[in-house]
Protein backbone atom coordinates (compact mmCIF):
# COMPACT_ATOMS: atom_id res chain seq x y z
CA UNK A 1 -29.77 -5.41 -3.70
CA UNK A 2 -28.49 -8.20 -5.93
CA UNK A 3 -30.78 -10.71 -4.21
CA UNK A 4 -33.81 -8.43 -4.64
CA UNK A 5 -33.13 -7.73 -8.32
CA UNK A 6 -32.41 -11.41 -8.87
CA UNK A 7 -35.75 -12.42 -7.39
CA UNK A 8 -37.60 -9.84 -9.48
CA UNK A 9 -35.81 -10.96 -12.67
CA UNK A 10 -35.96 -14.68 -11.96
CA UNK A 11 -32.18 -15.02 -11.86
CA UNK A 12 -30.43 -18.01 -10.36
CA UNK A 13 -27.52 -16.45 -8.47
CA UNK A 14 -24.29 -18.30 -7.73
CA UNK A 15 -21.60 -16.41 -5.84
CA UNK A 16 -18.01 -17.05 -6.90
CA UNK A 17 -15.42 -16.47 -4.17
CA UNK A 18 -12.17 -14.74 -4.95
CA UNK A 19 -10.24 -11.53 -4.67
CA UNK A 20 -11.32 -8.33 -6.38
CA UNK A 21 -8.57 -8.76 -8.98
CA UNK A 22 -9.68 -12.35 -9.62
CA UNK A 23 -13.28 -11.19 -10.02
CA UNK A 24 -12.30 -8.57 -12.56
CA UNK A 25 -10.29 -11.12 -14.52
CA UNK A 26 -13.22 -13.57 -14.47
CA UNK A 27 -15.52 -10.84 -15.76
CA UNK A 28 -13.02 -9.94 -18.49
CA UNK A 29 -12.92 -13.59 -19.59
CA UNK A 30 -16.73 -13.87 -19.49
CA UNK A 31 -16.68 -16.45 -16.69
CA UNK A 32 -19.04 -14.42 -14.48
CA UNK A 33 -22.02 -12.29 -15.45
CA UNK A 34 -21.86 -9.65 -12.73
CA UNK A 35 -19.20 -7.92 -10.66
CA UNK A 36 -20.13 -5.40 -8.00
CA UNK A 37 -18.59 -2.12 -6.83
CA UNK A 38 -16.43 -1.69 -9.91
CA UNK A 39 -15.44 1.91 -10.60
CA UNK A 40 -15.90 3.21 -14.13
CA UNK A 41 -12.44 3.20 -15.73
CA UNK A 42 -10.80 1.72 -18.83
CA UNK A 43 -12.52 -1.46 -17.66
CA UNK A 44 -15.45 -0.23 -19.78
CA UNK A 45 -13.58 -1.93 -22.64
CA UNK A 46 -14.72 -5.30 -21.29
CA UNK A 47 -17.52 -4.46 -18.81
CA UNK A 48 -21.01 -3.09 -19.38
CA UNK A 49 -21.87 -0.59 -16.68
CA UNK A 50 -25.38 0.17 -15.47
CA UNK A 51 -26.93 3.47 -16.46
CA UNK A 52 -28.02 4.44 -12.95
CA UNK A 53 -25.75 4.93 -9.97
CA UNK A 54 -26.98 2.81 -7.07
CA UNK A 55 -24.24 3.58 -4.59
CA UNK A 56 -21.56 6.23 -4.17
CA UNK A 57 -18.22 5.06 -2.81
CA UNK A 58 -15.19 7.05 -1.74
CA UNK A 59 -11.68 6.28 -0.54
CA UNK A 60 -10.56 6.34 3.07
CA UNK A 61 -6.98 6.38 4.36
CA UNK A 62 -6.68 4.57 7.67
CA UNK A 63 -3.58 5.07 9.80
CA UNK A 64 -2.23 2.92 12.56
CA UNK A 65 -3.12 4.83 15.75
CA UNK A 66 0.56 4.77 16.75
CA UNK A 67 1.55 6.68 13.60
CA UNK A 68 0.93 10.45 13.40
CA UNK A 69 -0.83 10.76 10.03
CA UNK A 70 -3.24 13.69 9.68
CA UNK A 71 -2.95 14.48 5.95
CA UNK A 72 -1.68 12.98 2.73
CA UNK A 73 1.65 14.75 3.27
CA UNK A 74 2.22 12.78 6.48
CA UNK A 75 2.63 9.52 4.53
CA UNK A 76 5.96 10.71 3.13
CA UNK A 77 8.53 7.97 3.74
CA UNK A 78 5.92 5.61 5.18
CA UNK A 79 4.42 2.29 4.11
CA UNK A 80 0.84 2.38 2.79
CA UNK A 81 -1.14 -0.77 1.99
CA UNK A 82 -3.38 -0.80 -1.10
CA UNK A 83 -5.50 -3.54 -2.62
CA UNK A 84 -4.38 -5.00 -5.95
CA UNK A 85 -6.45 -3.72 -8.91
CA UNK A 86 -8.39 -1.26 -6.73
CA UNK A 87 -9.00 2.15 -8.28
CA UNK A 88 -9.03 3.83 -4.84
CA UNK A 89 -5.51 2.63 -4.13
CA UNK A 90 -4.39 3.62 -7.62
CA UNK A 91 -5.84 7.11 -7.18
CA UNK A 92 -3.95 7.44 -3.90
CA UNK A 93 -0.74 6.30 -5.59
CA UNK A 94 -1.34 8.87 -8.36
CA UNK A 95 -2.03 11.60 -5.78
CA UNK A 96 1.24 10.86 -4.01
CA UNK A 97 3.13 10.94 -7.31
CA UNK A 98 1.57 14.29 -8.28
CA UNK A 99 2.66 15.81 -4.98
CA UNK A 100 6.03 14.03 -5.21
CA UNK A 101 5.42 12.24 -1.93
CA UNK A 102 7.70 9.22 -1.67
CA UNK A 103 5.75 6.25 -0.28
CA UNK A 104 6.50 2.54 -0.02
CA UNK A 105 3.30 0.93 -1.25
CA UNK A 106 2.43 -2.56 -0.02
CA UNK A 107 0.07 -4.31 -2.45
CA UNK A 108 -2.24 -6.90 -0.89
CA UNK A 109 -5.13 -9.00 -2.28
CA UNK A 110 -8.09 -7.57 -0.31
CA UNK A 111 -9.32 -4.68 1.83
CA UNK A 112 -9.28 -7.03 4.80
CA UNK A 113 -5.59 -7.62 4.10
CA UNK A 114 -5.08 -3.84 3.94
CA UNK A 115 -6.46 -3.49 7.46
CA UNK A 116 -4.63 -6.55 8.79
CA UNK A 117 -1.36 -5.26 7.33
CA UNK A 118 -1.84 -1.91 9.10
CA UNK A 119 -2.90 -3.59 12.36
CA UNK A 120 0.19 -5.84 12.27
CA UNK A 121 2.47 -2.84 11.74
CA UNK A 122 3.62 -4.04 8.32
CA UNK A 123 2.17 -0.78 6.93
CA UNK A 124 1.65 2.58 8.60
CA UNK A 125 -1.62 3.27 6.78
CA UNK A 126 -3.95 1.70 4.25
CA UNK A 127 -6.49 2.72 1.63
CA UNK A 128 -9.97 1.17 1.59
CA UNK A 129 -13.44 2.23 0.48
CA UNK A 130 -16.30 3.67 2.46
CA UNK A 131 -18.28 0.48 1.81
CA UNK A 132 -15.62 -1.73 3.34
CA UNK A 133 -15.20 0.66 6.22
CA UNK A 134 -18.90 0.63 7.03
CA UNK A 135 -19.00 -3.16 6.86
CA UNK A 136 -15.93 -3.54 9.06
CA UNK A 137 -17.46 -1.64 12.00
């Protein structure tokens, strides 16, 4: 979608690699003009959000197949990987706190690292987005 809009608007697009947290910081400092898939939060203090929703994203909790996790309550006492600065992970952390579910959260730089951490057994489950999940298949 970015490519198509860029062509229509005559933009010269340069992609800047980095983690999600690094991208947010670059946007905050004005070093990049566009960041994608950024949930509307207090970030509105330094980001301008579009007026139309182009994509709906939701959170997904993935569990290592060897670990019996069927609901949020099953993560009690377990390790759950979340991506740094990701609102989905933060919402999951908040949900666990509200239900007083003790969890050892493992903070990693990317959704790929979330999945790798779970696959390696360094976490029992991990939180990603539906977009990442669809891409990873």
